[in-house]
């Protein structure tokens, strides 16, 4: 347990060499250690290391978890790896029977938003098995802002207001920025 904590500590501090060294010396590498190391590399944007560790984990016969896939989707999002993200997202469900959480969906949405794929984002939101949360809508609104889609922004904003999201000032700020961007053009 102490070694698992050390792997996690070093990984969270960005000391990946030390995290890797402790990990390699573990007599039994449990999924918690794998996830800590993978998350550490994901936070640093080290996509190749993340994919290598994932392949190694599977090669050891260890089943990835929701946490494993969240780190993979995160590194894909921040590295702009759209195809890979879609592949891992689908594999999570089809190969391992893991039902994606709102965090998995939001990570995938973030990547599609960075790629400017608003239509695909709306398709994903409409197919989500869970209710979109405030983070979901902020991701979509941010993409609307980048693409200058005022109509969809207004629809989402009005929907959020009717669903009692008035107390979240950040949606007002986002909508204000969307209008400001349009006025500047």
Protein backbone atom coordinates (compact mmCIF):
# COMPACT_ATOMS: atom_id res chain seq x y z
CA UNK A 1 0.00 0.00 0.00
CA UNK A 2 2.84 2.40 0.80
CA UNK A 3 4.47 1.75 -2.56
CA UNK A 4 1.17 2.37 -4.37
CA UNK A 5 0.91 5.66 -2.51
CA UNK A 6 4.46 6.55 -3.51
CA UNK A 7 3.74 5.84 -7.19
CA UNK A 8 0.68 8.08 -6.95
CA UNK A 9 2.57 10.82 -5.07
CA UNK A 10 5.48 10.91 -7.50
CA UNK A 11 3.14 10.79 -10.50
CA UNK A 12 1.00 13.65 -9.17
CA UNK A 13 4.14 15.71 -8.55
CA UNK A 14 5.30 15.12 -12.12
CA UNK A 15 8.29 13.05 -10.96
CA UNK A 16 7.55 10.33 -13.47
CA UNK A 17 11.02 8.80 -13.41
CA UNK A 18 10.70 8.18 -9.67
CA UNK A 19 7.10 6.99 -10.05
CA UNK A 20 8.19 4.55 -12.75
CA UNK A 21 11.10 3.28 -10.63
CA UNK A 22 8.88 2.58 -7.63
CA UNK A 23 6.27 1.00 -9.91
CA UNK A 24 8.84 -1.35 -11.49
CA UNK A 25 10.04 -2.49 -8.05
CA UNK A 26 6.55 -3.41 -6.84
CA UNK A 27 6.27 -7.15 -6.18
CA UNK A 28 2.67 -7.04 -7.43
CA UNK A 29 1.53 -4.27 -9.73
CA UNK A 30 -2.14 -3.75 -8.96
CA UNK A 31 -4.52 -1.70 -11.08
CA UNK A 32 -4.32 1.19 -8.61
CA UNK A 33 -0.59 1.54 -9.35
CA UNK A 34 -1.10 1.22 -13.08
CA UNK A 35 -3.78 3.90 -12.97
CA UNK A 36 -1.62 6.23 -10.87
CA UNK A 37 1.28 5.92 -13.30
CA UNK A 38 -0.91 6.22 -16.41
CA UNK A 39 -2.63 9.30 -14.92
CA UNK A 40 0.76 10.87 -14.17
CA UNK A 41 1.92 10.44 -17.75
CA UNK A 42 -1.47 11.68 -19.02
CA UNK A 43 -1.19 14.87 -16.92
CA UNK A 44 2.19 15.52 -18.51
CA UNK A 45 0.76 14.93 -22.02
CA UNK A 46 2.96 11.87 -22.58
CA UNK A 47 0.55 10.03 -24.90
CA UNK A 48 3.07 7.44 -26.11
CA UNK A 49 3.92 6.46 -22.53
CA UNK A 50 0.22 6.23 -21.68
CA UNK A 51 -0.50 3.98 -24.67
CA UNK A 52 2.58 1.87 -23.93
CA UNK A 53 1.52 1.36 -20.32
CA UNK A 54 -2.02 0.53 -21.40
CA UNK A 55 -0.75 -2.13 -23.81
CA UNK A 56 1.57 -3.48 -21.14
CA UNK A 57 -1.28 -3.59 -18.61
CA UNK A 58 -3.41 -5.62 -21.00
CA UNK A 59 -0.43 -7.85 -21.77
CA UNK A 60 -0.16 -8.61 -18.06
CA UNK A 61 -3.78 -9.75 -18.11
CA UNK A 62 -5.00 -6.86 -15.98
CA UNK A 63 -8.37 -5.36 -16.86
CA UNK A 64 -8.41 -1.58 -17.29
CA UNK A 65 -10.95 0.39 -15.26
CA UNK A 66 -13.03 3.54 -15.72
CA UNK A 67 -10.08 5.47 -14.29
CA UNK A 68 -7.68 3.97 -16.82
CA UNK A 69 -9.87 5.08 -19.70
CA UNK A 70 -10.43 8.53 -18.23
CA UNK A 71 -6.66 9.10 -18.27
CA UNK A 72 -6.41 7.76 -21.82
CA UNK A 73 -9.23 10.01 -23.05
CA UNK A 74 -7.67 12.96 -21.26
CA UNK A 75 -4.29 12.52 -22.93
CA UNK A 76 -6.01 12.01 -26.29
CA UNK A 77 -7.95 15.23 -25.79
CA UNK A 78 -4.92 17.30 -24.89
CA UNK A 79 -2.87 15.76 -27.69
CA UNK A 80 -5.57 16.17 -30.35
CA UNK A 81 -5.81 12.41 -30.97
CA UNK A 82 -9.42 12.21 -32.13
CA UNK A 83 -9.31 8.80 -33.84
CA UNK A 84 -7.51 7.21 -30.92
CA UNK A 85 -9.97 8.69 -28.43
CA UNK A 86 -12.94 7.34 -30.35
CA UNK A 87 -11.27 3.92 -30.58
CA UNK A 88 -10.53 3.75 -26.83
CA UNK A 89 -13.99 5.08 -25.95
CA UNK A 90 -15.63 2.35 -28.03
CA UNK A 91 -13.22 -0.31 -26.71
CA UNK A 92 -14.08 0.64 -23.15
CA UNK A 93 -17.66 -0.47 -23.70
CA UNK A 94 -17.36 -3.20 -26.30
CA UNK A 95 -14.21 -4.94 -25.03
CA UNK A 96 -14.47 -4.39 -21.28
CA UNK A 97 -18.16 -3.72 -20.61
CA UNK A 98 -17.41 -0.43 -18.88
CA UNK A 99 -20.27 2.03 -19.08
CA UNK A 100 -18.89 5.51 -19.75
CA UNK A 101 -19.51 8.06 -17.02
CA UNK A 102 -20.26 11.73 -17.54
CA UNK A 103 -16.52 12.41 -17.15
CA UNK A 104 -15.71 10.06 -20.06
CA UNK A 105 -18.31 11.76 -22.23
CA UNK A 106 -17.10 15.22 -21.26
CA UNK A 107 -13.53 14.30 -22.13
CA UNK A 108 -14.64 13.02 -25.53
CA UNK A 109 -16.76 16.13 -26.05
CA UNK A 110 -13.80 18.34 -25.17
CA UNK A 111 -11.73 16.68 -27.88
CA UNK A 112 -14.45 17.05 -30.50
CA UNK A 113 -14.86 20.67 -29.42
CA UNK A 114 -11.15 21.32 -29.86
CA UNK A 115 -11.48 19.85 -33.35
CA UNK A 116 -14.44 22.16 -34.06
CA UNK A 117 -16.86 19.28 -34.55
CA UNK A 118 -19.99 20.83 -33.11
CA UNK A 119 -22.41 18.52 -34.96
CA UNK A 120 -20.61 15.47 -33.59
CA UNK A 121 -20.70 16.99 -30.11
CA UNK A 122 -24.47 17.42 -30.31
CA UNK A 123 -24.82 13.83 -31.56
CA UNK A 124 -22.77 12.58 -28.58
CA UNK A 125 -24.79 14.67 -26.10
CA UNK A 126 -28.04 13.31 -27.55
CA UNK A 127 -26.80 9.71 -27.27
CA UNK A 128 -25.38 9.97 -23.74
CA UNK A 129 -26.97 7.46 -21.37
CA UNK A 130 -26.67 10.00 -18.56
CA UNK A 131 -27.95 13.54 -18.15
CA UNK A 132 -25.54 16.21 -19.40
CA UNK A 133 -24.16 18.23 -16.53
CA UNK A 134 -23.04 21.85 -16.33
CA UNK A 135 -19.53 20.89 -17.47
CA UNK A 136 -21.01 19.22 -20.56
CA UNK A 137 -22.88 22.36 -21.55
CA UNK A 138 -19.91 24.60 -20.84
CA UNK A 139 -17.81 22.47 -23.21
CA UNK A 140 -20.48 22.74 -25.91
CA UNK A 141 -20.92 26.49 -25.31
CA UNK A 142 -17.17 26.99 -25.59
CA UNK A 143 -17.19 25.26 -28.97
CA UNK A 144 -20.16 27.40 -30.03
CA UNK A 145 -18.10 30.43 -29.07
CA UNK A 146 -15.10 29.29 -31.13
CA UNK A 147 -17.33 28.63 -34.14
CA UNK A 148 -19.53 31.71 -33.66
CA UNK A 149 -22.75 29.69 -33.38
CA UNK A 150 -25.00 32.17 -31.59
CA UNK A 151 -28.28 30.33 -32.25
CA UNK A 152 -27.24 27.10 -30.56
CA UNK A 153 -25.58 29.09 -27.76
CA UNK A 154 -28.84 30.88 -27.02
CA UNK A 155 -30.79 27.61 -27.02
CA UNK A 156 -28.37 26.00 -24.57
CA UNK A 157 -28.25 29.11 -22.38
CA UNK A 158 -32.05 29.35 -22.20
CA UNK A 159 -32.28 25.64 -21.41
CA UNK A 160 -29.75 26.04 -18.59
CA UNK A 161 -31.73 28.96 -17.18
CA UNK A 162 -34.95 26.94 -17.16
CA UNK A 163 -33.17 24.03 -15.48
CA UNK A 164 -32.23 26.20 -12.50
CA UNK A 165 -28.61 26.82 -13.43
CA UNK A 166 -28.94 30.57 -12.72
CA UNK A 167 -26.61 30.34 -9.75
CA UNK A 168 -23.67 29.38 -11.96
CA UNK A 169 -22.11 32.67 -12.98
CA UNK A 170 -19.72 31.01 -15.40
CA UNK A 171 -22.51 30.28 -17.90
CA UNK A 172 -23.40 33.99 -17.89
CA UNK A 173 -19.76 34.88 -18.44
CA UNK A 174 -19.47 32.36 -21.28
CA UNK A 175 -22.63 33.69 -22.94
CA UNK A 176 -21.39 37.25 -22.51
CA UNK A 177 -18.11 36.29 -24.20
CA UNK A 178 -20.01 34.66 -27.07
CA UNK A 179 -21.97 37.86 -27.65
CA UNK A 180 -18.81 39.97 -27.33
CA UNK A 181 -17.04 37.84 -29.93
CA UNK A 182 -19.92 38.26 -32.37
CA UNK A 183 -20.00 42.03 -31.84
CA UNK A 184 -16.26 42.26 -32.55
CA UNK A 185 -16.66 40.64 -35.96
